[in-house]
Amino acid sequence: MDDIPAHILDVMRSGAYDVEFVVWLAQSGAGYVPTSYDDLEFHVTASTKPVAYDDHGPLVDLSPRVLPPREPRPAQTCTHSRTPHLDASQPTPVNPKPNAAHSDREYF
């Protein structure tokens, strides 16, 4: 899990797989991506694990599971970030301490 890029982990957690994820999966060698229906059928029939089928293909176990809670990532605060000053009758709030640096290129 350490060598998986963060944006790929986000896609895996969301379950909404996109083309970029499938390309990464195929190039990484971490998963099996069949090249044809015949290739997939051969590997399924050669498998020693029991596989159940219906009219829509292999059945997937969707039973609920208890997953460990995920630790939220800290928000990225840049040097240009400011705390909103919503009440002019109060003192100006202290700006947050930056914990990330971004190049100017990302803003154009």
PDB file of N, CA and C in Angstrom:
ATOM      1  N   MET A   1       0.816  -1.202   0.000  1.00  0.00           N
ATOM      2  CA  MET A   1       0.000   0.000   0.000  1.00  0.00           C
ATOM      3  C   MET A   1       0.856   1.261   0.000  1.00  0.00           C
ATOM      4  N   ASP A   2       2.106   1.171   0.446  1.00  0.00           N
ATOM      5  CA  ASP A   2       2.937   2.369   0.540  1.00  0.00           C
ATOM      6  C   ASP A   2       3.311   2.938  -0.823  1.00  0.00           C
ATOM      7  N   ASP A   3       3.427   2.069  -1.838  1.00  0.00           N
ATOM      8  CA  ASP A   3       3.865   2.567  -3.143  1.00  0.00           C
ATOM      9  C   ASP A   3       2.710   2.906  -4.077  1.00  0.00           C
ATOM     10  N   ILE A   4       1.466   2.889  -3.570  1.00  0.00           N
ATOM     11  CA  ILE A   4       0.311   3.258  -4.390  1.00  0.00           C
ATOM     12  C   ILE A   4       0.106   4.766  -4.294  1.00  0.00           C
ATOM     13  N   PRO A   5       0.006   5.461  -5.433  1.00  0.00           N
ATOM     14  CA  PRO A   5      -0.202   6.917  -5.399  1.00  0.00           C
ATOM     15  C   PRO A   5      -1.504   7.282  -4.684  1.00  0.00           C
ATOM     16  N   ALA A   6      -1.523   8.442  -4.081  1.00  0.00           N
ATOM     17  CA  ALA A   6      -2.675   8.879  -3.283  1.00  0.00           C
ATOM     18  C   ALA A   6      -3.945   8.983  -4.121  1.00  0.00           C
ATOM     19  N   HIS A   7      -3.834   9.481  -5.362  1.00  0.00           N
ATOM     20  CA  HIS A   7      -5.048   9.620  -6.182  1.00  0.00           C
ATOM     21  C   HIS A   7      -5.610   8.258  -6.581  1.00  0.00           C
ATOM     22  N   ILE A   8      -4.763   7.243  -6.703  1.00  0.00           N
ATOM     23  CA  ILE A   8      -5.237   5.888  -7.000  1.00  0.00           C
ATOM     24  C   ILE A   8      -5.935   5.312  -5.771  1.00  0.00           C
ATOM     25  N   LEU A   9      -5.399   5.565  -4.569  1.00  0.00           N
ATOM     26  CA  LEU A   9      -6.060   5.109  -3.343  1.00  0.00           C
ATOM     27  C   LEU A   9      -7.433   5.747  -3.193  1.00  0.00           C
ATOM     28  N   ASP A  10      -7.552   7.026  -3.546  1.00  0.00           N
ATOM     29  CA  ASP A  10      -8.854   7.701  -3.476  1.00  0.00           C
ATOM     30  C   ASP A  10      -9.868   7.038  -4.411  1.00  0.00           C
ATOM     31  N   VAL A  11      -9.410   6.656  -5.607  1.00  0.00           N
ATOM     32  CA  VAL A  11     -10.298   5.980  -6.556  1.00  0.00           C
ATOM     33  C   VAL A  11     -10.714   4.617  -6.002  1.00  0.00           C
ATOM     34  N   MET A  12      -9.767   3.893  -5.400  1.00  0.00           N
ATOM     35  CA  MET A  12     -10.082   2.577  -4.838  1.00  0.00           C
ATOM     36  C   MET A  12     -11.107   2.687  -3.712  1.00  0.00           C
ATOM     37  N   ARG A  13     -10.963   3.707  -2.884  1.00  0.00           N
ATOM     38  CA  ARG A  13     -11.899   3.889  -1.768  1.00  0.00           C
ATOM     39  C   ARG A  13     -13.284   4.308  -2.263  1.00  0.00           C
ATOM     40  N   SER A  14     -13.329   5.093  -3.334  1.00  0.00           N
ATOM     41  CA  SER A  14     -14.618   5.577  -3.827  1.00  0.00           C
ATOM     42  C   SER A  14     -15.390   4.493  -4.562  1.00  0.00           C
ATOM     43  N   GLY A  15     -14.680   3.563  -5.186  1.00  0.00           N
ATOM     44  CA  GLY A  15     -15.346   2.513  -5.952  1.00  0.00           C
ATOM     45  C   GLY A  15     -15.776   2.965  -7.332  1.00  0.00           C
ATOM     46  N   ALA A  16     -15.527   4.210  -7.697  1.00  0.00           N
ATOM     47  CA  ALA A  16     -15.855   4.734  -9.023  1.00  0.00           C
ATOM     48  C   ALA A  16     -14.587   4.691  -9.867  1.00  0.00           C
ATOM     49  N   TYR A  17     -14.327   3.546 -10.478  1.00  0.00           N
ATOM     50  CA  TYR A  17     -13.083   3.341 -11.208  1.00  0.00           C
ATOM     51  C   TYR A  17     -13.119   4.083 -12.535  1.00  0.00           C
ATOM     52  N   ASP A  18     -11.988   4.698 -12.870  1.00  0.00           N
ATOM     53  CA  ASP A  18     -11.895   5.426 -14.124  1.00  0.00           C
ATOM     54  C   ASP A  18     -10.801   4.809 -14.991  1.00  0.00           C
ATOM     55  N   VAL A  19     -10.614   5.366 -16.179  1.00  0.00           N
ATOM     56  CA  VAL A  19      -9.645   4.827 -17.127  1.00  0.00           C
ATOM     57  C   VAL A  19      -8.230   4.921 -16.556  1.00  0.00           C
ATOM     58  N   GLU A  20      -7.922   6.020 -15.886  1.00  0.00           N
ATOM     59  CA  GLU A  20      -6.590   6.193 -15.305  1.00  0.00           C
ATOM     60  C   GLU A  20      -6.279   5.078 -14.312  1.00  0.00           C
ATOM     61  N   PHE A  21      -7.281   4.674 -13.509  1.00  0.00           N
ATOM     62  CA  PHE A  21      -7.077   3.603 -12.547  1.00  0.00           C
ATOM     63  C   PHE A  21      -6.817   2.275 -13.251  1.00  0.00           C
ATOM     64  N   VAL A  22      -7.590   1.974 -14.287  1.00  0.00           N
ATOM     65  CA  VAL A  22      -7.417   0.707 -15.004  1.00  0.00           C
ATOM     66  C   VAL A  22      -6.039   0.664 -15.671  1.00  0.00           C
ATOM     67  N   VAL A  23      -5.601   1.783 -16.240  1.00  0.00           N
ATOM     68  CA  VAL A  23      -4.271   1.837 -16.847  1.00  0.00           C
ATOM     69  C   VAL A  23      -3.199   1.616 -15.788  1.00  0.00           C
ATOM     70  N   TRP A  24      -3.333   2.276 -14.629  1.00  0.00           N
ATOM     71  CA  TRP A  24      -2.359   2.084 -13.551  1.00  0.00           C
ATOM     72  C   TRP A  24      -2.347   0.628 -13.102  1.00  0.00           C
ATOM     73  N   LEU A  25      -3.517   0.031 -12.940  1.00  0.00           N
ATOM     74  CA  LEU A  25      -3.628  -1.352 -12.496  1.00  0.00           C
ATOM     75  C   LEU A  25      -2.950  -2.295 -13.473  1.00  0.00           C
ATOM     76  N   ALA A  26      -3.169  -2.082 -14.764  1.00  0.00           N
ATOM     77  CA  ALA A  26      -2.569  -2.943 -15.777  1.00  0.00           C
ATOM     78  C   ALA A  26      -1.058  -2.788 -15.815  1.00  0.00           C
ATOM     79  N   GLN A  27      -0.553  -1.575 -15.660  1.00  0.00           N
ATOM     80  CA  GLN A  27       0.884  -1.335 -15.735  1.00  0.00           C
ATOM     81  C   GLN A  27       1.619  -1.722 -14.462  1.00  0.00           C
ATOM     82  N   SER A  28       0.925  -1.711 -13.328  1.00  0.00           N
ATOM     83  CA  SER A  28       1.594  -2.004 -12.062  1.00  0.00           C
ATOM     84  C   SER A  28       1.832  -3.490 -11.849  1.00  0.00           C
ATOM     85  N   GLY A  29       1.032  -4.316 -12.493  1.00  0.00           N
ATOM     86  CA  GLY A  29       1.149  -5.750 -12.265  1.00  0.00           C
ATOM     87  C   GLY A  29       0.506  -6.178 -10.961  1.00  0.00           C
ATOM     88  N   ALA A  30      -0.179  -5.255 -10.283  1.00  0.00           N
ATOM     89  CA  ALA A  30      -0.793  -5.549  -8.984  1.00  0.00           C
ATOM     90  C   ALA A  30      -2.132  -6.247  -9.124  1.00  0.00           C
ATOM     91  N   GLY A  31      -2.701  -6.242 -10.292  1.00  0.00           N
ATOM     92  CA  GLY A  31      -4.011  -6.854 -10.473  1.00  0.00           C
ATOM     93  C   GLY A  31      -4.105  -7.523 -11.825  1.00  0.00           C
ATOM     94  N   TYR A  32      -5.128  -8.315 -12.018  1.00  0.00           N
ATOM     95  CA  TYR A  32      -5.348  -9.030 -13.272  1.00  0.00           C
ATOM     96  C   TYR A  32      -6.381  -8.280 -14.095  1.00  0.00           C
ATOM     97  N   VAL A  33      -6.006  -7.901 -15.293  1.00  0.00           N
ATOM     98  CA  VAL A  33      -6.920  -7.250 -16.216  1.00  0.00           C
ATOM     99  C   VAL A  33      -6.995  -8.129 -17.459  1.00  0.00           C
ATOM    100  N   PRO A  34      -8.130  -8.813 -17.687  1.00  0.00           N
ATOM    101  CA  PRO A  34      -8.224  -9.698 -18.855  1.00  0.00           C
ATOM    102  C   PRO A  34      -8.194  -8.910 -20.157  1.00  0.00           C
ATOM    103  N   THR A  35      -7.640  -9.536 -21.197  1.00  0.00           N
ATOM    104  CA  THR A  35      -7.564  -8.867 -22.490  1.00  0.00           C
ATOM    105  C   THR A  35      -8.733  -9.220 -23.390  1.00  0.00           C
ATOM    106  N   SER A  36      -9.456 -10.287 -23.054  1.00  0.00           N
ATOM    107  CA  SER A  36     -10.621 -10.674 -23.851  1.00  0.00           C
ATOM    108  C   SER A  36     -11.574 -11.484 -22.979  1.00  0.00           C
ATOM    109  N   TYR A  37     -12.782 -11.691 -23.473  1.00  0.00           N
ATOM    110  CA  TYR A  37     -13.749 -12.495 -22.740  1.00  0.00           C
ATOM    111  C   TYR A  37     -13.259 -13.939 -22.633  1.00  0.00           C
ATOM    112  N   ASP A  38     -12.664 -14.461 -23.712  1.00  0.00           N
ATOM    113  CA  ASP A  38     -12.157 -15.840 -23.687  1.00  0.00           C
ATOM    114  C   ASP A  38     -11.056 -16.002 -22.639  1.00  0.00           C
ATOM    115  N   ASP A  39     -10.191 -14.993 -22.523  1.00  0.00           N
ATOM    116  CA  ASP A  39      -9.128 -15.018 -21.515  1.00  0.00           C
ATOM    117  C   ASP A  39      -9.720 -15.046 -20.106  1.00  0.00           C
ATOM    118  N   LEU A  40     -10.730 -14.210 -19.875  1.00  0.00           N
ATOM    119  CA  LEU A  40     -11.391 -14.181 -18.574  1.00  0.00           C
ATOM    120  C   LEU A  40     -12.083 -15.515 -18.291  1.00  0.00           C
ATOM    121  N   GLU A  41     -12.789 -16.050 -19.267  1.00  0.00           N
ATOM    122  CA  GLU A  41     -13.497 -17.322 -19.079  1.00  0.00           C
ATOM    123  C   GLU A  41     -12.514 -18.451 -18.769  1.00  0.00           C
ATOM    124  N   PHE A  42     -11.371 -18.485 -19.454  1.00  0.00           N
ATOM    125  CA  PHE A  42     -10.363 -19.521 -19.195  1.00  0.00           C
ATOM    126  C   PHE A  42      -9.867 -19.452 -17.758  1.00  0.00           C
ATOM    127  N   HIS A  43      -9.542 -18.260 -17.279  1.00  0.00           N
ATOM    128  CA  HIS A  43      -9.007 -18.125 -15.930  1.00  0.00           C
ATOM    129  C   HIS A  43     -10.057 -18.433 -14.866  1.00  0.00           C
ATOM    130  N   VAL A  44     -11.317 -18.094 -15.136  1.00  0.00           N
ATOM    131  CA  VAL A  44     -12.371 -18.404 -14.172  1.00  0.00           C
ATOM    132  C   VAL A  44     -12.603 -19.903 -14.099  1.00  0.00           C
ATOM    133  N   THR A  45     -12.637 -20.579 -15.244  1.00  0.00           N
ATOM    134  CA  THR A  45     -12.868 -22.029 -15.232  1.00  0.00           C
ATOM    135  C   THR A  45     -11.663 -22.784 -14.686  1.00  0.00           C
ATOM    136  N   ALA A  46     -10.464 -22.235 -14.822  1.00  0.00           N
ATOM    137  CA  ALA A  46      -9.264 -22.885 -14.300  1.00  0.00           C
ATOM    138  C   ALA A  46      -9.066 -22.607 -12.816  1.00  0.00           C
ATOM    139  N   SER A  47      -9.828 -21.682 -12.261  1.00  0.00           N
ATOM    140  CA  SER A  47      -9.682 -21.313 -10.854  1.00  0.00           C
ATOM    141  C   SER A  47     -10.135 -22.455  -9.956  1.00  0.00           C
ATOM    142  N   THR A  48      -9.461 -22.604  -8.824  1.00  0.00           N
ATOM    143  CA  THR A  48      -9.851 -23.631  -7.855  1.00  0.00           C
ATOM    144  C   THR A  48     -10.845 -23.078  -6.834  1.00  0.00           C
ATOM    145  N   LYS A  49     -11.028 -21.778  -6.813  1.00  0.00           N
ATOM    146  CA  LYS A  49     -11.985 -21.168  -5.892  1.00  0.00           C
ATOM    147  C   LYS A  49     -13.393 -21.295  -6.468  1.00  0.00           C
ATOM    148  N   PRO A  50     -14.399 -21.520  -5.627  1.00  0.00           N
ATOM    149  CA  PRO A  50     -15.762 -21.605  -6.158  1.00  0.00           C
ATOM    150  C   PRO A  50     -16.243 -20.246  -6.673  1.00  0.00           C
ATOM    151  N   VAL A  51     -16.841 -20.251  -7.841  1.00  0.00           N
ATOM    152  CA  VAL A  51     -17.353 -19.035  -8.458  1.00  0.00           C
ATOM    153  C   VAL A  51     -18.819 -19.258  -8.795  1.00  0.00           C
ATOM    154  N   ALA A  52     -19.676 -18.355  -8.392  1.00  0.00           N
ATOM    155  CA  ALA A  52     -21.098 -18.446  -8.699  1.00  0.00           C
ATOM    156  C   ALA A  52     -21.420 -17.467  -9.822  1.00  0.00           C
ATOM    157  N   TYR A  53     -22.289 -17.865 -10.746  1.00  0.00           N
ATOM    158  CA  TYR A  53     -22.672 -17.029 -11.878  1.00  0.00           C
ATOM    159  C   TYR A  53     -24.178 -16.854 -11.920  1.00  0.00           C
ATOM    160  N   ASP A  54     -24.600 -15.744 -12.463  1.00  0.00           N
ATOM    161  CA  ASP A  54     -25.988 -15.576 -12.864  1.00  0.00           C
ATOM    162  C   ASP A  54     -25.953 -14.947 -14.257  1.00  0.00           C
ATOM    163  N   ASP A  55     -27.046 -14.373 -14.724  1.00  0.00           N
ATOM    164  CA  ASP A  55     -27.079 -13.807 -16.073  1.00  0.00           C
ATOM    165  C   ASP A  55     -26.164 -12.598 -16.243  1.00  0.00           C
ATOM    166  N   HIS A  56     -25.721 -12.012 -15.144  1.00  0.00           N
ATOM    167  CA  HIS A  56     -24.885 -10.815 -15.207  1.00  0.00           C
ATOM    168  C   HIS A  56     -23.415 -11.107 -14.962  1.00  0.00           C
ATOM    169  N   GLY A  57     -23.017 -12.369 -14.868  1.00  0.00           N
ATOM    170  CA  GLY A  57     -21.620 -12.720 -14.662  1.00  0.00           C
ATOM    171  C   GLY A  57     -21.382 -13.234 -13.259  1.00  0.00           C
ATOM    172  N   PRO A  58     -20.116 -13.211 -12.812  1.00  0.00           N
ATOM    173  CA  PRO A  58     -19.807 -13.754 -11.492  1.00  0.00           C
ATOM    174  C   PRO A  58     -20.494 -12.962 -10.381  1.00  0.00           C
ATOM    175  N   LEU A  59     -20.989 -13.670  -9.380  1.00  0.00           N
ATOM    176  CA  LEU A  59     -21.625 -13.009  -8.246  1.00  0.00           C
ATOM    177  C   LEU A  59     -20.551 -12.507  -7.288  1.00  0.00           C
ATOM    178  N   VAL A  60     -20.735 -11.330  -6.806  1.00  0.00           N
ATOM    179  CA  VAL A  60     -19.781 -10.701  -5.900  1.00  0.00           C
ATOM    180  C   VAL A  60     -20.404 -10.640  -4.517  1.00  0.00           C
ATOM    181  N   ASP A  61     -19.612 -10.984  -3.516  1.00  0.00           N
ATOM    182  CA  ASP A  61     -20.101 -10.932  -2.141  1.00  0.00           C
ATOM    183  C   ASP A  61     -20.184  -9.476  -1.694  1.00  0.00           C
ATOM    184  N   LEU A  62     -21.405  -8.994  -1.478  1.00  0.00           N
ATOM    185  CA  LEU A  62     -21.611  -7.617  -1.047  1.00  0.00           C
ATOM    186  C   LEU A  62     -22.107  -7.551   0.392  1.00  0.00           C
ATOM    187  N   SER A  63     -21.843  -8.601   1.160  1.00  0.00           N
ATOM    188  CA  SER A  63     -22.289  -8.600   2.550  1.00  0.00           C
ATOM    189  C   SER A  63     -21.527  -7.532   3.333  1.00  0.00           C
ATOM    190  N   PRO A  64     -22.183  -6.930   4.332  1.00  0.00           N
ATOM    191  CA  PRO A  64     -21.520  -5.848   5.076  1.00  0.00           C
ATOM    192  C   PRO A  64     -20.309  -6.362   5.853  1.00  0.00           C
ATOM    193  N   ARG A  65     -19.303  -5.532   5.925  1.00  0.00           N
ATOM    194  CA  ARG A  65     -18.085  -5.843   6.676  1.00  0.00           C
ATOM    195  C   ARG A  65     -17.747  -4.661   7.562  1.00  0.00           C
ATOM    196  N   VAL A  66     -17.089  -4.950   8.658  1.00  0.00           N
ATOM    197  CA  VAL A  66     -16.622  -3.884   9.547  1.00  0.00           C
ATOM    198  C   VAL A  66     -15.208  -3.524   9.115  1.00  0.00           C
ATOM    199  N   LEU A  67     -15.037  -2.278   8.727  1.00  0.00           N
ATOM    200  CA  LEU A  67     -13.734  -1.803   8.295  1.00  0.00           C
ATOM    201  C   LEU A  67     -13.130  -0.923   9.379  1.00  0.00           C
ATOM    202  N   PRO A  68     -11.814  -0.925   9.478  1.00  0.00           N
ATOM    203  CA  PRO A  68     -11.195  -0.033  10.473  1.00  0.00           C
ATOM    204  C   PRO A  68     -11.420   1.421  10.073  1.00  0.00           C
ATOM    205  N   PRO A  69     -11.578   2.294  11.044  1.00  0.00           N
ATOM    206  CA  PRO A  69     -11.799   3.710  10.706  1.00  0.00           C
ATOM    207  C   PRO A  69     -10.562   4.292  10.027  1.00  0.00           C
ATOM    208  N   ARG A  70     -10.815   5.134   9.041  1.00  0.00           N
ATOM    209  CA  ARG A  70      -9.713   5.782   8.336  1.00  0.00           C
ATOM    210  C   ARG A  70      -9.321   7.060   9.056  1.00  0.00           C
ATOM    211  N   GLU A  71      -8.044   7.297   9.114  1.00  0.00           N
ATOM    212  CA  GLU A  71      -7.543   8.536   9.684  1.00  0.00           C
ATOM    213  C   GLU A  71      -7.647   9.624   8.622  1.00  0.00           C
ATOM    214  N   PRO A  72      -8.301  10.731   8.927  1.00  0.00           N
ATOM    215  CA  PRO A  72      -8.402  11.787   7.922  1.00  0.00           C
ATOM    216  C   PRO A  72      -7.041  12.437   7.664  1.00  0.00           C
ATOM    217  N   ARG A  73      -6.820  12.793   6.424  1.00  0.00           N
ATOM    218  CA  ARG A  73      -5.585  13.488   6.076  1.00  0.00           C
ATOM    219  C   ARG A  73      -5.687  14.934   6.548  1.00  0.00           C
ATOM    220  N   PRO A  74      -4.599  15.502   7.035  1.00  0.00           N
ATOM    221  CA  PRO A  74      -4.668  16.903   7.441  1.00  0.00           C
ATOM    222  C   PRO A  74      -4.890  17.797   6.213  1.00  0.00           C
ATOM    223  N   ALA A  75      -5.621  18.857   6.420  1.00  0.00           N
ATOM    224  CA  ALA A  75      -5.873  19.798   5.336  1.00  0.00           C
ATOM    225  C   ALA A  75      -4.567  20.459   4.926  1.00  0.00           C
ATOM    226  N   GLN A  76      -4.426  20.691   3.647  1.00  0.00           N
ATOM    227  CA  GLN A  76      -3.226  21.374   3.176  1.00  0.00           C
ATOM    228  C   GLN A  76      -3.447  22.878   3.284  1.00  0.00           C
ATOM    229  N   THR A  77      -2.629  23.499   4.084  1.00  0.00           N
ATOM    230  CA  THR A  77      -2.702  24.942   4.285  1.00  0.00           C
ATOM    231  C   THR A  77      -1.459  25.556   3.661  1.00  0.00           C
ATOM    232  N   CYS A  78      -1.660  26.446   2.704  1.00  0.00           N
ATOM    233  CA  CYS A  78      -0.546  27.070   1.997  1.00  0.00           C
ATOM    234  C   CYS A  78      -0.171  28.394   2.650  1.00  0.00           C
ATOM    235  N   THR A  79       0.930  28.936   2.216  1.00  0.00           N
ATOM    236  CA  THR A  79       1.405  30.206   2.777  1.00  0.00           C
ATOM    237  C   THR A  79       0.454  31.351   2.472  1.00  0.00           C
ATOM    238  N   HIS A  80      -0.314  31.252   1.397  1.00  0.00           N
ATOM    239  CA  HIS A  80      -1.246  32.326   1.036  1.00  0.00           C
ATOM    240  C   HIS A  80      -2.622  32.155   1.692  1.00  0.00           C
ATOM    241  N   SER A  81      -2.836  31.083   2.467  1.00  0.00           N
ATOM    242  CA  SER A  81      -4.138  30.842   3.103  1.00  0.00           C
ATOM    243  C   SER A  81      -4.400  31.854   4.214  1.00  0.00           C
ATOM    244  N   ARG A  82      -5.642  32.275   4.305  1.00  0.00           N
ATOM    245  CA  ARG A  82      -6.049  33.245   5.325  1.00  0.00           C
ATOM    246  C   ARG A  82      -7.288  32.718   6.032  1.00  0.00           C
ATOM    247  N   THR A  83      -7.417  33.016   7.321  1.00  0.00           N
ATOM    248  CA  THR A  83      -8.621  32.674   8.076  1.00  0.00           C
ATOM    249  C   THR A  83      -9.687  33.709   7.752  1.00  0.00           C
ATOM    250  N   PRO A  84     -10.907  33.284   7.426  1.00  0.00           N
ATOM    251  CA  PRO A  84     -11.951  34.243   7.094  1.00  0.00           C
ATOM    252  C   PRO A  84     -12.288  35.143   8.285  1.00  0.00           C
ATOM    253  N   HIS A  85     -12.457  36.405   7.995  1.00  0.00           N
ATOM    254  CA  HIS A  85     -12.822  37.370   9.027  1.00  0.00           C
ATOM    255  C   HIS A  85     -14.275  37.755   8.771  1.00  0.00           C
ATOM    256  N   LEU A  86     -15.189  37.064   9.461  1.00  0.00           N
ATOM    257  CA  LEU A  86     -16.612  37.215   9.174  1.00  0.00           C
ATOM    258  C   LEU A  86     -17.314  38.264  10.030  1.00  0.00           C
ATOM    259  N   ASP A  87     -16.741  38.611  11.151  1.00  0.00           N
ATOM    260  CA  ASP A  87     -17.395  39.560  12.061  1.00  0.00           C
ATOM    261  C   ASP A  87     -16.454  40.733  12.291  1.00  0.00           C
ATOM    262  N   ALA A  88     -16.774  41.880  11.678  1.00  0.00           N
ATOM    263  CA  ALA A  88     -15.900  43.045  11.764  1.00  0.00           C
ATOM    264  C   ALA A  88     -15.839  43.618  13.174  1.00  0.00           C
ATOM    265  N   SER A  89     -16.784  43.251  14.036  1.00  0.00           N
ATOM    266  CA  SER A  89     -16.759  43.764  15.399  1.00  0.00           C
ATOM    267  C   SER A  89     -15.773  42.992  16.282  1.00  0.00           C
ATOM    268  N   GLN A  90     -15.272  41.887  15.789  1.00  0.00           N
ATOM    269  CA  GLN A  90     -14.315  41.060  16.535  1.00  0.00           C
ATOM    270  C   GLN A  90     -12.907  41.296  16.004  1.00  0.00           C
ATOM    271  N   PRO A  91     -11.882  40.944  16.806  1.00  0.00           N
ATOM    272  CA  PRO A  91     -10.508  41.081  16.307  1.00  0.00           C
ATOM    273  C   PRO A  91     -10.251  40.143  15.114  1.00  0.00           C
ATOM    274  N   THR A  92      -9.295  40.508  14.312  1.00  0.00           N
ATOM    275  CA  THR A  92      -8.929  39.685  13.162  1.00  0.00           C
ATOM    276  C   THR A  92      -8.355  38.363  13.651  1.00  0.00           C
ATOM    277  N   PRO A  93      -8.859  37.230  13.133  1.00  0.00           N
ATOM    278  CA  PRO A  93      -8.342  35.940  13.581  1.00  0.00           C
ATOM    279  C   PRO A  93      -6.922  35.695  13.072  1.00  0.00           C
ATOM    280  N   VAL A  94      -6.211  34.847  13.773  1.00  0.00           N
ATOM    281  CA  VAL A  94      -4.835  34.503  13.407  1.00  0.00           C
ATOM    282  C   VAL A  94      -4.868  33.596  12.181  1.00  0.00           C
ATOM    283  N   ASN A  95      -3.975  33.839  11.244  1.00  0.00           N
ATOM    284  CA  ASN A  95      -3.897  33.010  10.044  1.00  0.00           C
ATOM    285  C   ASN A  95      -3.330  31.636  10.403  1.00  0.00           C
ATOM    286  N   PRO A  96      -3.732  30.589   9.679  1.00  0.00           N
ATOM    287  CA  PRO A  96      -3.230  29.244   9.986  1.00  0.00           C
ATOM    288  C   PRO A  96      -1.761  29.099   9.626  1.00  0.00           C
ATOM    289  N   LYS A  97      -1.090  28.167  10.303  1.00  0.00           N
ATOM    290  CA  LYS A  97       0.308  27.886   9.982  1.00  0.00           C
ATOM    291  C   LYS A  97       0.352  27.034   8.721  1.00  0.00           C
ATOM    292  N   PRO A  98       1.174  27.406   7.747  1.00  0.00           N
ATOM    293  CA  PRO A  98       1.241  26.613   6.508  1.00  0.00           C
ATOM    294  C   PRO A  98       1.889  25.254   6.763  1.00  0.00           C
ATOM    295  N   ASN A  99       1.334  24.218   6.128  1.00  0.00           N
ATOM    296  CA  ASN A  99       1.927  22.886   6.220  1.00  0.00           C
ATOM    297  C   ASN A  99       2.140  22.297   4.832  1.00  0.00           C
ATOM    298  N   ALA A 100       1.944  23.108   3.788  1.00  0.00           N
ATOM    299  CA  ALA A 100       2.139  22.646   2.422  1.00  0.00           C
ATOM    300  C   ALA A 100       2.678  23.800   1.580  1.00  0.00           C
ATOM    301  N   ALA A 101       3.439  23.455   0.593  1.00  0.00           N
ATOM    302  CA  ALA A 101       3.968  24.464  -0.334  1.00  0.00           C
ATOM    303  C   ALA A 101       3.587  24.062  -1.746  1.00  0.00           C
ATOM    304  N   HIS A 102       3.029  25.000  -2.491  1.00  0.00           N
ATOM    305  CA  HIS A 102       2.633  24.744  -3.856  1.00  0.00           C
ATOM    306  C   HIS A 102       3.349  25.725  -4.756  1.00  0.00           C
ATOM    307  N   SER A 103       3.717  25.264  -5.927  1.00  0.00           N
ATOM    308  CA  SER A 103       4.345  26.172  -6.872  1.00  0.00           C
ATOM    309  C   SER A 103       3.278  27.053  -7.500  1.00  0.00           C
ATOM    310  N   ASP A 104       3.696  28.186  -8.027  1.00  0.00           N
ATOM    311  CA  ASP A 104       2.757  29.104  -8.670  1.00  0.00           C
ATOM    312  C   ASP A 104       2.128  28.493  -9.911  1.00  0.00           C
ATOM    313  N   ARG A 105       2.772  27.483 -10.480  1.00  0.00           N
ATOM    314  CA  ARG A 105       2.272  26.842 -11.692  1.00  0.00           C
ATOM    315  C   ARG A 105       0.890  26.231 -11.474  1.00  0.00           C
ATOM    316  N   GLU A 106       0.618  25.725 -10.304  1.00  0.00           N
ATOM    317  CA  GLU A 106      -0.636  25.040 -10.048  1.00  0.00           C
ATOM    318  C   GLU A 106      -1.831  26.004 -10.060  1.00  0.00           C
ATOM    319  N   TYR A 107      -1.585  27.282  -9.963  1.00  0.00           N
ATOM    320  CA  TYR A 107      -2.678  28.241  -9.882  1.00  0.00           C
ATOM    321  C   TYR A 107      -3.011  28.843 -11.245  1.00  0.00           C
ATOM    322  N   PHE A 108      -2.272  28.498 -12.281  1.00  0.00           N
ATOM    323  CA  PHE A 108      -2.527  29.075 -13.600  1.00  0.00           C
ATOM    324  C   PHE A 108      -3.080  28.055 -14.525  1.00  0.00           C
TER     325      PHE A 108
END
